[in-house]
N, C-alpha and C. Protein backbone atom coordinates (compact mmCIF):
# COMPACT_ATOMS: atom_id res chain seq x y z
N MET A 1 -19.28 19.39 55.36
CA MET A 1 -19.26 20.40 54.28
C MET A 1 -20.31 21.49 54.60
N THR A 2 -19.88 22.70 54.52
CA THR A 2 -20.78 23.92 54.79
C THR A 2 -20.83 24.72 53.60
N LEU A 3 -22.03 25.18 53.21
CA LEU A 3 -22.17 26.09 52.16
C LEU A 3 -22.45 27.47 52.66
N PHE A 4 -23.34 27.65 53.58
CA PHE A 4 -23.67 29.06 53.93
C PHE A 4 -23.44 29.41 55.48
N THR A 5 -23.24 28.52 56.36
CA THR A 5 -23.01 28.91 57.71
C THR A 5 -21.44 28.95 58.03
N LYS A 6 -21.11 29.94 58.88
CA LYS A 6 -19.66 30.04 59.26
C LYS A 6 -19.45 29.15 60.45
N LYS A 7 -18.29 28.62 60.52
CA LYS A 7 -17.87 27.78 61.60
C LYS A 7 -17.34 28.62 62.72
N GLU A 8 -17.54 28.28 63.94
CA GLU A 8 -16.99 28.99 65.04
C GLU A 8 -15.48 28.87 65.09
N ASN A 9 -14.82 29.85 65.71
CA ASN A 9 -13.38 29.84 65.93
C ASN A 9 -12.63 29.72 64.60
N GLU A 10 -13.15 30.37 63.51
CA GLU A 10 -12.50 30.41 62.23
C GLU A 10 -11.45 31.50 62.21
N ASN A 11 -10.33 31.32 61.51
CA ASN A 11 -9.39 32.36 61.28
C ASN A 11 -9.73 33.09 60.07
N PRO A 12 -10.19 34.27 60.13
CA PRO A 12 -10.62 35.09 58.91
C PRO A 12 -9.48 35.43 58.02
N VAL A 13 -8.26 35.47 58.57
CA VAL A 13 -7.03 35.86 57.72
C VAL A 13 -6.65 34.82 56.83
N GLU A 14 -6.85 33.57 57.21
CA GLU A 14 -6.44 32.49 56.38
C GLU A 14 -7.06 32.49 55.05
N GLU A 15 -6.21 32.45 53.97
CA GLU A 15 -6.63 32.56 52.61
C GLU A 15 -6.61 31.23 51.89
N LYS A 16 -6.25 30.16 52.66
CA LYS A 16 -6.13 28.85 52.05
C LYS A 16 -7.63 28.30 51.86
N ILE A 17 -7.79 27.61 50.73
CA ILE A 17 -9.16 27.05 50.47
C ILE A 17 -9.22 25.75 51.16
N ASN A 18 -10.19 25.64 52.13
CA ASN A 18 -10.30 24.36 52.83
C ASN A 18 -11.80 24.01 53.15
N ASP A 19 -11.93 22.78 53.76
CA ASP A 19 -13.18 22.34 54.01
C ASP A 19 -13.99 23.11 55.12
N ASN A 20 -13.25 23.88 55.96
CA ASN A 20 -13.88 24.48 57.04
C ASN A 20 -14.52 25.88 56.62
N LYS A 21 -14.35 26.21 55.41
CA LYS A 21 -14.89 27.48 54.89
C LYS A 21 -16.22 27.23 54.15
N THR A 22 -17.00 28.28 54.12
CA THR A 22 -18.25 28.19 53.26
C THR A 22 -17.94 28.37 51.77
N LEU A 23 -18.89 28.10 50.92
CA LEU A 23 -18.67 28.28 49.51
C LEU A 23 -18.23 29.75 49.18
N GLY A 24 -18.91 30.64 49.76
CA GLY A 24 -18.52 32.04 49.59
C GLY A 24 -17.18 32.39 49.96
N GLU A 25 -16.82 31.88 51.14
CA GLU A 25 -15.36 32.08 51.58
C GLU A 25 -14.38 31.43 50.62
N ARG A 26 -14.65 30.26 50.15
CA ARG A 26 -13.78 29.57 49.27
C ARG A 26 -13.66 30.36 47.93
N LEU A 27 -14.79 30.87 47.49
CA LEU A 27 -14.78 31.74 46.26
C LEU A 27 -13.93 32.94 46.41
N SER A 28 -14.16 33.64 47.58
CA SER A 28 -13.48 34.90 47.85
C SER A 28 -11.97 34.59 47.97
N ALA A 29 -11.54 33.49 48.72
CA ALA A 29 -10.14 33.20 48.86
C ALA A 29 -9.52 32.88 47.54
N ALA A 30 -10.21 32.05 46.75
CA ALA A 30 -9.63 31.69 45.44
C ALA A 30 -9.51 32.85 44.51
N ARG A 31 -10.45 33.73 44.53
CA ARG A 31 -10.39 34.97 43.68
C ARG A 31 -9.36 35.86 44.08
N LYS A 32 -9.11 36.02 45.42
CA LYS A 32 -8.01 36.89 45.96
C LYS A 32 -6.67 36.22 45.65
N ASN A 33 -6.54 34.87 45.75
CA ASN A 33 -5.33 34.17 45.40
C ASN A 33 -4.91 34.40 43.98
N LYS A 34 -5.88 34.63 43.08
CA LYS A 34 -5.55 34.88 41.65
C LYS A 34 -5.36 36.33 41.46
N GLY A 35 -5.51 37.19 42.48
CA GLY A 35 -5.26 38.66 42.30
C GLY A 35 -6.36 39.35 41.56
N LEU A 36 -7.54 38.85 41.60
CA LEU A 36 -8.69 39.45 40.89
C LEU A 36 -9.58 40.22 41.84
N THR A 37 -10.04 41.40 41.37
CA THR A 37 -11.02 42.15 42.12
C THR A 37 -12.39 41.52 41.82
N GLN A 38 -13.36 41.87 42.58
CA GLN A 38 -14.79 41.37 42.34
C GLN A 38 -15.24 41.92 40.99
N ASP A 39 -14.88 43.15 40.57
CA ASP A 39 -15.20 43.68 39.27
C ASP A 39 -14.59 42.91 38.14
N ASP A 40 -13.33 42.59 38.30
CA ASP A 40 -12.55 41.82 37.22
C ASP A 40 -13.24 40.47 37.09
N PHE A 41 -13.46 39.74 38.24
CA PHE A 41 -14.11 38.40 38.22
C PHE A 41 -15.43 38.46 37.63
N ALA A 42 -16.24 39.48 37.88
CA ALA A 42 -17.53 39.64 37.34
C ALA A 42 -17.57 39.80 35.83
N LYS A 43 -16.57 40.59 35.32
CA LYS A 43 -16.38 40.77 33.91
C LYS A 43 -16.09 39.52 33.16
N TYR A 44 -15.19 38.71 33.78
CA TYR A 44 -14.84 37.32 33.13
C TYR A 44 -16.02 36.39 33.04
N LEU A 45 -16.97 36.57 34.09
CA LEU A 45 -18.10 35.68 34.16
C LEU A 45 -19.33 36.30 33.45
N ASP A 46 -19.28 37.49 33.07
CA ASP A 46 -20.40 38.22 32.49
C ASP A 46 -21.64 38.29 33.45
N VAL A 47 -21.21 38.64 34.75
CA VAL A 47 -22.25 38.83 35.76
C VAL A 47 -21.87 40.20 36.44
N THR A 48 -22.80 40.65 37.27
CA THR A 48 -22.43 41.96 37.99
C THR A 48 -21.63 41.75 39.19
N PRO A 49 -20.82 42.78 39.50
CA PRO A 49 -20.06 42.68 40.75
C PRO A 49 -20.88 42.40 42.01
N GLN A 50 -22.16 42.94 42.01
CA GLN A 50 -23.03 42.59 43.07
C GLN A 50 -23.33 41.08 43.21
N ALA A 51 -23.30 40.39 42.06
CA ALA A 51 -23.62 38.91 42.12
C ALA A 51 -22.47 38.30 42.81
N ILE A 52 -21.22 38.74 42.47
CA ILE A 52 -20.03 38.12 43.12
C ILE A 52 -20.08 38.41 44.62
N SER A 53 -20.39 39.66 45.03
CA SER A 53 -20.52 40.01 46.43
C SER A 53 -21.52 39.06 47.17
N LYS A 54 -22.68 38.82 46.51
CA LYS A 54 -23.63 38.03 47.16
C LYS A 54 -23.18 36.57 47.32
N TRP A 55 -22.39 36.03 46.35
CA TRP A 55 -21.85 34.74 46.49
C TRP A 55 -20.95 34.74 47.61
N GLU A 56 -20.04 35.65 47.62
CA GLU A 56 -18.87 35.68 48.63
C GLU A 56 -19.44 35.92 50.04
N ASN A 57 -20.55 36.54 50.16
CA ASN A 57 -21.20 36.76 51.52
C ASN A 57 -22.33 35.71 51.82
N ASN A 58 -22.27 34.65 50.98
CA ASN A 58 -23.26 33.51 51.22
C ASN A 58 -24.76 33.97 51.20
N LEU A 59 -25.02 35.02 50.39
CA LEU A 59 -26.48 35.36 50.20
C LEU A 59 -27.06 34.70 49.06
N SER A 60 -26.25 34.12 48.16
CA SER A 60 -26.72 33.32 46.98
C SER A 60 -25.55 32.52 46.51
N CYS A 61 -25.81 31.69 45.56
CA CYS A 61 -24.72 30.79 44.93
C CYS A 61 -24.74 31.07 43.41
N PRO A 62 -23.58 30.82 42.91
CA PRO A 62 -23.48 30.97 41.43
C PRO A 62 -24.30 29.94 40.73
N ASP A 63 -24.76 30.26 39.48
CA ASP A 63 -25.57 29.33 38.69
C ASP A 63 -24.70 28.13 38.39
N ILE A 64 -25.20 27.00 38.42
CA ILE A 64 -24.42 25.70 38.19
C ILE A 64 -23.73 25.71 36.86
N LEU A 65 -24.32 26.42 35.85
CA LEU A 65 -23.67 26.47 34.55
C LEU A 65 -22.44 27.23 34.50
N LEU A 66 -22.32 28.09 35.48
CA LEU A 66 -21.08 28.97 35.59
C LEU A 66 -19.90 28.23 36.22
N LEU A 67 -20.09 27.14 36.97
CA LEU A 67 -19.08 26.40 37.71
C LEU A 67 -17.87 26.06 36.79
N PRO A 68 -18.04 25.43 35.56
CA PRO A 68 -16.83 25.20 34.82
C PRO A 68 -16.00 26.44 34.47
N LYS A 69 -16.63 27.53 34.23
CA LYS A 69 -15.87 28.78 33.91
C LYS A 69 -15.28 29.33 35.20
N ILE A 70 -16.00 29.31 36.31
CA ILE A 70 -15.38 29.79 37.59
C ILE A 70 -14.15 28.85 37.83
N SER A 71 -14.28 27.61 37.74
CA SER A 71 -13.23 26.70 37.97
C SER A 71 -12.04 27.00 37.19
N GLU A 72 -12.17 27.28 35.81
CA GLU A 72 -11.18 27.61 34.88
C GLU A 72 -10.40 28.89 35.28
N ILE A 73 -11.24 29.89 35.61
CA ILE A 73 -10.70 31.20 35.90
C ILE A 73 -9.89 31.15 37.21
N LEU A 74 -10.41 30.52 38.17
CA LEU A 74 -9.79 30.47 39.52
C LEU A 74 -8.65 29.36 39.55
N GLY A 75 -8.67 28.50 38.63
CA GLY A 75 -7.60 27.47 38.55
C GLY A 75 -7.72 26.42 39.59
N ILE A 76 -9.05 26.10 39.96
CA ILE A 76 -9.20 25.02 40.97
C ILE A 76 -10.35 24.21 40.40
N GLY A 77 -10.44 22.97 40.84
CA GLY A 77 -11.51 22.01 40.41
C GLY A 77 -12.79 22.41 41.04
N ILE A 78 -13.91 22.00 40.34
CA ILE A 78 -15.22 22.24 40.76
C ILE A 78 -15.45 21.62 42.18
N GLU A 79 -14.99 20.36 42.27
CA GLU A 79 -15.18 19.67 43.59
C GLU A 79 -14.50 20.39 44.76
N GLU A 80 -13.26 20.91 44.45
CA GLU A 80 -12.52 21.62 45.49
C GLU A 80 -13.27 22.87 45.80
N LEU A 81 -13.88 23.52 44.82
CA LEU A 81 -14.61 24.79 45.06
C LEU A 81 -15.80 24.61 45.84
N LEU A 82 -16.57 23.47 45.53
CA LEU A 82 -17.75 23.26 46.31
C LEU A 82 -17.55 22.59 47.70
N THR A 83 -16.63 21.74 47.81
CA THR A 83 -16.43 21.05 49.06
C THR A 83 -15.20 21.42 49.89
N GLY A 84 -14.24 22.04 49.26
CA GLY A 84 -13.05 22.41 49.98
C GLY A 84 -12.00 21.35 49.87
N THR A 85 -12.29 20.22 49.26
CA THR A 85 -11.34 19.09 49.22
C THR A 85 -11.03 18.84 47.69
N GLU A 86 -9.77 18.45 47.46
CA GLU A 86 -9.38 18.25 46.03
C GLU A 86 -9.88 16.80 45.70
N LYS A 87 -10.27 16.76 44.41
CA LYS A 87 -10.76 15.40 43.89
C LYS A 87 -9.57 14.49 43.72
N LYS A 88 -9.69 13.29 44.29
CA LYS A 88 -8.59 12.32 44.19
C LYS A 88 -8.88 11.56 42.89
N GLU A 89 -7.82 11.39 42.06
CA GLU A 89 -7.96 10.71 40.81
C GLU A 89 -8.20 9.27 41.06
N GLU A 90 -9.14 8.67 40.46
CA GLU A 90 -9.45 7.30 40.56
C GLU A 90 -9.12 6.64 39.17
N LYS A 91 -8.56 5.49 39.24
CA LYS A 91 -8.27 4.81 38.02
C LYS A 91 -9.51 4.24 37.50
N THR A 92 -9.74 4.33 36.28
CA THR A 92 -10.94 3.81 35.64
C THR A 92 -10.84 2.27 35.70
N LYS A 93 -11.90 1.77 36.17
CA LYS A 93 -12.04 0.31 36.33
C LYS A 93 -12.87 -0.19 35.22
N ILE A 94 -12.25 -1.12 34.53
CA ILE A 94 -12.95 -1.80 33.41
C ILE A 94 -13.82 -2.95 34.05
N GLN A 95 -15.13 -2.95 33.76
CA GLN A 95 -15.93 -3.95 34.23
C GLN A 95 -15.62 -5.22 33.42
N THR A 96 -15.26 -6.26 34.21
CA THR A 96 -14.87 -7.44 33.55
C THR A 96 -15.86 -8.53 33.74
N THR A 97 -15.95 -9.50 32.85
CA THR A 97 -16.82 -10.52 33.01
C THR A 97 -15.96 -11.77 33.37
N SER A 98 -16.56 -12.59 34.18
CA SER A 98 -15.75 -13.81 34.51
C SER A 98 -15.39 -14.59 33.18
N GLU A 99 -14.14 -14.97 33.20
CA GLU A 99 -13.66 -15.63 32.03
C GLU A 99 -14.38 -16.92 31.70
N SER A 100 -14.93 -17.52 32.70
CA SER A 100 -15.66 -18.77 32.54
C SER A 100 -16.96 -18.58 31.71
N LYS A 101 -17.37 -17.24 31.71
CA LYS A 101 -18.67 -17.05 30.88
C LYS A 101 -18.30 -16.56 29.46
N LEU A 102 -17.09 -16.13 29.23
CA LEU A 102 -16.68 -15.68 27.96
C LEU A 102 -16.44 -16.66 26.91
N LYS A 103 -16.88 -16.35 25.68
CA LYS A 103 -16.70 -17.30 24.57
C LYS A 103 -15.88 -16.59 23.48
N LEU A 104 -15.04 -17.38 22.81
CA LEU A 104 -14.32 -16.86 21.69
C LEU A 104 -14.98 -17.49 20.52
N LYS A 105 -15.55 -16.64 19.63
CA LYS A 105 -16.22 -17.08 18.37
C LYS A 105 -15.32 -16.82 17.21
N ILE A 106 -15.03 -17.81 16.48
CA ILE A 106 -14.11 -17.67 15.28
C ILE A 106 -14.97 -18.16 14.08
N LYS A 107 -15.00 -17.26 13.09
CA LYS A 107 -15.75 -17.58 11.91
C LYS A 107 -14.71 -17.61 10.68
N ILE A 108 -14.59 -18.74 10.03
CA ILE A 108 -13.69 -18.86 8.93
C ILE A 108 -14.49 -19.06 7.63
N SER A 109 -14.31 -18.01 6.70
CA SER A 109 -15.16 -17.95 5.49
C SER A 109 -14.25 -18.13 4.27
N PRO A 110 -14.01 -19.28 3.82
CA PRO A 110 -13.21 -19.43 2.62
C PRO A 110 -14.07 -18.95 1.33
N PRO A 111 -13.38 -18.58 0.34
CA PRO A 111 -14.08 -18.16 -0.79
C PRO A 111 -14.93 -19.25 -1.47
N ASN A 112 -16.11 -18.99 -1.86
CA ASN A 112 -16.99 -19.94 -2.46
C ASN A 112 -17.28 -21.22 -1.64
N LYS A 113 -17.16 -21.16 -0.36
CA LYS A 113 -17.41 -22.30 0.47
C LYS A 113 -18.24 -21.90 1.66
N LYS A 114 -18.92 -22.80 2.31
CA LYS A 114 -19.68 -22.51 3.46
C LYS A 114 -18.77 -22.15 4.58
N PRO A 115 -19.06 -21.06 5.37
CA PRO A 115 -18.19 -20.67 6.50
C PRO A 115 -18.21 -21.71 7.59
N THR A 116 -17.13 -21.80 8.30
CA THR A 116 -16.99 -22.63 9.55
C THR A 116 -17.03 -21.75 10.72
N ASN A 117 -17.90 -22.12 11.64
CA ASN A 117 -18.06 -21.34 12.89
C ASN A 117 -17.63 -22.18 14.06
N ILE A 118 -16.80 -21.56 14.87
CA ILE A 118 -16.18 -22.18 16.06
C ILE A 118 -16.46 -21.36 17.25
N THR A 119 -17.03 -21.87 18.28
CA THR A 119 -17.24 -21.25 19.54
C THR A 119 -16.55 -21.98 20.62
N VAL A 120 -15.62 -21.34 21.36
CA VAL A 120 -14.83 -22.04 22.36
C VAL A 120 -14.72 -21.11 23.64
N PRO A 121 -14.95 -21.73 24.79
CA PRO A 121 -14.78 -20.92 26.02
C PRO A 121 -13.33 -20.35 26.06
N VAL A 122 -13.21 -19.10 26.50
CA VAL A 122 -11.97 -18.42 26.53
C VAL A 122 -10.97 -19.15 27.46
N ALA A 123 -11.58 -19.75 28.56
CA ALA A 123 -10.65 -20.56 29.48
C ALA A 123 -9.93 -21.68 28.79
N LEU A 124 -10.70 -22.34 27.86
CA LEU A 124 -10.11 -23.43 27.06
C LEU A 124 -9.06 -22.96 26.04
N VAL A 125 -9.35 -21.84 25.42
CA VAL A 125 -8.45 -21.20 24.53
C VAL A 125 -7.08 -20.79 25.18
N LYS A 126 -7.12 -20.39 26.48
CA LYS A 126 -5.99 -20.03 27.26
C LYS A 126 -5.16 -21.27 27.45
N ARG A 127 -5.76 -22.36 27.73
CA ARG A 127 -4.95 -23.64 27.92
C ARG A 127 -4.36 -24.10 26.59
N ILE A 128 -5.16 -24.02 25.48
CA ILE A 128 -4.65 -24.41 24.18
C ILE A 128 -3.46 -23.47 23.80
N ALA A 129 -3.55 -22.18 24.10
CA ALA A 129 -2.57 -21.32 23.66
C ALA A 129 -1.17 -21.62 24.37
N LYS A 130 -1.26 -22.23 25.58
CA LYS A 130 -0.06 -22.55 26.25
C LYS A 130 0.71 -23.64 25.53
N ILE A 131 0.03 -24.43 24.66
CA ILE A 131 0.59 -25.52 23.99
C ILE A 131 1.45 -25.00 22.79
N GLY A 132 1.19 -23.81 22.37
CA GLY A 132 1.99 -23.21 21.24
C GLY A 132 1.16 -23.03 20.06
N ASN A 133 1.35 -23.75 19.03
CA ASN A 133 0.63 -23.63 17.75
C ASN A 133 -0.66 -24.59 17.77
N GLY A 134 -1.03 -24.99 18.96
CA GLY A 134 -2.15 -25.90 19.03
C GLY A 134 -3.41 -25.38 18.46
N ILE A 135 -3.61 -24.05 18.58
CA ILE A 135 -4.86 -23.47 18.07
C ILE A 135 -4.93 -23.56 16.53
N SER A 136 -3.78 -23.29 15.88
CA SER A 136 -3.77 -23.34 14.43
C SER A 136 -4.06 -24.79 14.02
N GLY A 137 -3.59 -25.76 14.69
CA GLY A 137 -3.95 -27.17 14.33
C GLY A 137 -5.32 -27.42 14.45
N ILE A 138 -6.00 -26.94 15.51
CA ILE A 138 -7.39 -27.08 15.73
C ILE A 138 -8.23 -26.44 14.59
N LEU A 139 -7.77 -25.21 14.12
CA LEU A 139 -8.55 -24.55 13.16
C LEU A 139 -8.22 -25.09 11.79
N GLY A 140 -7.12 -25.81 11.68
CA GLY A 140 -6.71 -26.30 10.34
C GLY A 140 -6.29 -25.18 9.40
N ASN A 141 -5.92 -24.08 9.97
CA ASN A 141 -5.53 -22.90 9.15
C ASN A 141 -4.37 -22.18 9.92
N SER A 142 -3.31 -21.88 9.31
CA SER A 142 -2.24 -21.10 9.98
C SER A 142 -2.40 -19.62 9.93
N SER A 143 -3.59 -19.07 9.48
CA SER A 143 -3.78 -17.65 9.32
C SER A 143 -3.96 -17.03 10.70
N LEU A 144 -4.28 -17.75 11.69
CA LEU A 144 -4.49 -17.13 13.02
C LEU A 144 -3.41 -17.82 13.91
N SER A 145 -2.36 -17.06 14.20
CA SER A 145 -1.19 -17.65 14.86
C SER A 145 -1.38 -17.56 16.39
N SER A 146 -0.53 -18.25 17.10
CA SER A 146 -0.60 -18.39 18.54
C SER A 146 -0.27 -16.96 19.21
N SER A 147 0.60 -16.19 18.59
CA SER A 147 0.79 -14.85 19.12
C SER A 147 -0.44 -13.96 18.93
N GLN A 148 -1.21 -14.13 17.84
CA GLN A 148 -2.47 -13.43 17.74
C GLN A 148 -3.50 -13.77 18.79
N ILE A 149 -3.50 -15.10 19.00
CA ILE A 149 -4.38 -15.70 20.06
C ILE A 149 -4.02 -15.13 21.44
N GLU A 150 -2.73 -14.98 21.69
CA GLU A 150 -2.27 -14.48 22.98
C GLU A 150 -2.67 -13.00 23.10
N GLU A 151 -2.60 -12.27 22.02
CA GLU A 151 -3.09 -10.87 22.08
C GLU A 151 -4.60 -10.78 22.31
N ILE A 152 -5.35 -11.71 21.69
CA ILE A 152 -6.82 -11.75 21.94
C ILE A 152 -7.10 -12.11 23.37
N LEU A 153 -6.34 -12.94 23.92
CA LEU A 153 -6.57 -13.29 25.40
C LEU A 153 -6.31 -12.17 26.31
N GLU A 154 -5.21 -11.43 25.97
CA GLU A 154 -4.90 -10.19 26.81
C GLU A 154 -6.08 -9.15 26.69
N LEU A 155 -6.68 -9.04 25.54
CA LEU A 155 -7.85 -8.19 25.39
C LEU A 155 -8.99 -8.65 26.26
N THR A 156 -9.20 -9.95 26.39
CA THR A 156 -10.30 -10.45 27.17
C THR A 156 -10.05 -10.16 28.65
N GLU A 157 -8.77 -10.13 29.07
CA GLU A 157 -8.41 -9.84 30.42
C GLU A 157 -8.66 -8.35 30.76
N GLU A 158 -8.64 -7.50 29.75
CA GLU A 158 -8.92 -6.08 29.87
C GLU A 158 -10.40 -5.74 29.78
N GLY A 159 -11.19 -6.76 29.47
CA GLY A 159 -12.62 -6.56 29.46
C GLY A 159 -13.17 -6.20 28.14
N VAL A 160 -12.42 -6.32 27.04
CA VAL A 160 -12.90 -6.02 25.63
C VAL A 160 -13.77 -7.18 25.14
N SER A 161 -14.85 -6.70 24.52
CA SER A 161 -15.81 -7.65 23.92
C SER A 161 -16.29 -7.19 22.57
N GLY A 162 -16.93 -8.10 21.82
CA GLY A 162 -17.36 -7.72 20.52
C GLY A 162 -16.38 -8.25 19.45
N GLU A 163 -16.58 -7.80 18.23
CA GLU A 163 -15.74 -8.28 17.11
C GLU A 163 -14.35 -7.58 17.33
N ILE A 164 -13.24 -8.33 17.40
CA ILE A 164 -11.96 -7.72 17.69
C ILE A 164 -10.98 -7.99 16.57
N LEU A 165 -11.25 -8.82 15.73
CA LEU A 165 -10.35 -9.15 14.64
C LEU A 165 -11.02 -9.57 13.40
N ASN A 166 -10.54 -9.09 12.29
CA ASN A 166 -11.08 -9.48 10.97
C ASN A 166 -9.94 -9.60 10.03
N ILE A 167 -9.54 -10.77 9.63
CA ILE A 167 -8.40 -11.04 8.82
C ILE A 167 -8.79 -11.54 7.47
N GLU A 168 -8.18 -11.03 6.45
CA GLU A 168 -8.39 -11.55 5.10
C GLU A 168 -7.01 -12.22 4.69
N ALA A 169 -6.97 -13.55 4.59
CA ALA A 169 -5.76 -14.28 4.27
C ALA A 169 -5.43 -14.19 2.78
N ASP A 170 -4.29 -14.63 2.46
CA ASP A 170 -3.75 -14.54 1.06
C ASP A 170 -4.79 -15.29 -0.02
N ASP A 171 -5.42 -16.39 0.52
CA ASP A 171 -6.23 -17.10 -0.34
C ASP A 171 -7.68 -16.56 -0.31
N SER A 172 -7.86 -15.27 0.16
CA SER A 172 -9.11 -14.58 0.32
C SER A 172 -10.06 -15.24 1.40
N THR A 173 -9.57 -16.08 2.20
CA THR A 173 -10.33 -16.56 3.36
C THR A 173 -10.41 -15.48 4.36
N VAL A 174 -11.65 -15.26 4.92
CA VAL A 174 -11.87 -14.24 5.88
C VAL A 174 -12.03 -14.80 7.24
N ILE A 175 -11.31 -14.47 8.22
CA ILE A 175 -11.40 -14.96 9.57
C ILE A 175 -11.87 -13.85 10.43
N THR A 176 -13.02 -14.02 11.17
CA THR A 176 -13.52 -12.99 12.10
C THR A 176 -13.42 -13.59 13.50
N VAL A 177 -12.97 -12.78 14.47
CA VAL A 177 -12.80 -13.28 15.82
C VAL A 177 -13.70 -12.34 16.68
N GLU A 178 -14.48 -12.89 17.56
CA GLU A 178 -15.34 -12.09 18.38
C GLU A 178 -15.24 -12.63 19.84
N ILE A 179 -15.37 -11.73 20.86
CA ILE A 179 -15.42 -12.19 22.18
C ILE A 179 -16.90 -11.88 22.71
N SER A 180 -17.58 -12.80 23.24
CA SER A 180 -18.90 -12.59 23.70
C SER A 180 -19.25 -13.34 25.01
N LYS A 181 -20.30 -12.97 25.59
CA LYS A 181 -20.75 -13.71 26.85
C LYS A 181 -21.46 -14.94 26.50
């Protein structure tokens, strides 16, 4: 990547924005591709035409705070403007924790009674969920169905943690489900 020095054997007629050009050359090419004069470009950015000329002749660089506006006006990404290469979209990776370390915490709070707290490794809950309504039998309460457990397990696979479910049953029993390390 070059910011200020020209590469030898460059074709000055080429108006394509690429990695072989300097920042000034990329700015100039992008401005011309948009059909803007230096004066027009300067007015949009609230700078002098001389500033645009200095940028394009590699005598100075635009202020970093102007980059988003330059990018918007020229219709190219900041990375492409600075490096000559387009930014490749990366899928966001969710940082996951090993399932063997995850715990499913279930708190059942019936009205006027002491709450029941259950902490179970997620790996065990997965095996129980395969049985069907096995989890409801373990909890002694049908308020938390197997399909809800399966949804919770899908969330753990996506890396979700914290309180994920808070149910109030018909008999005013409150069930809270949390995934934690």
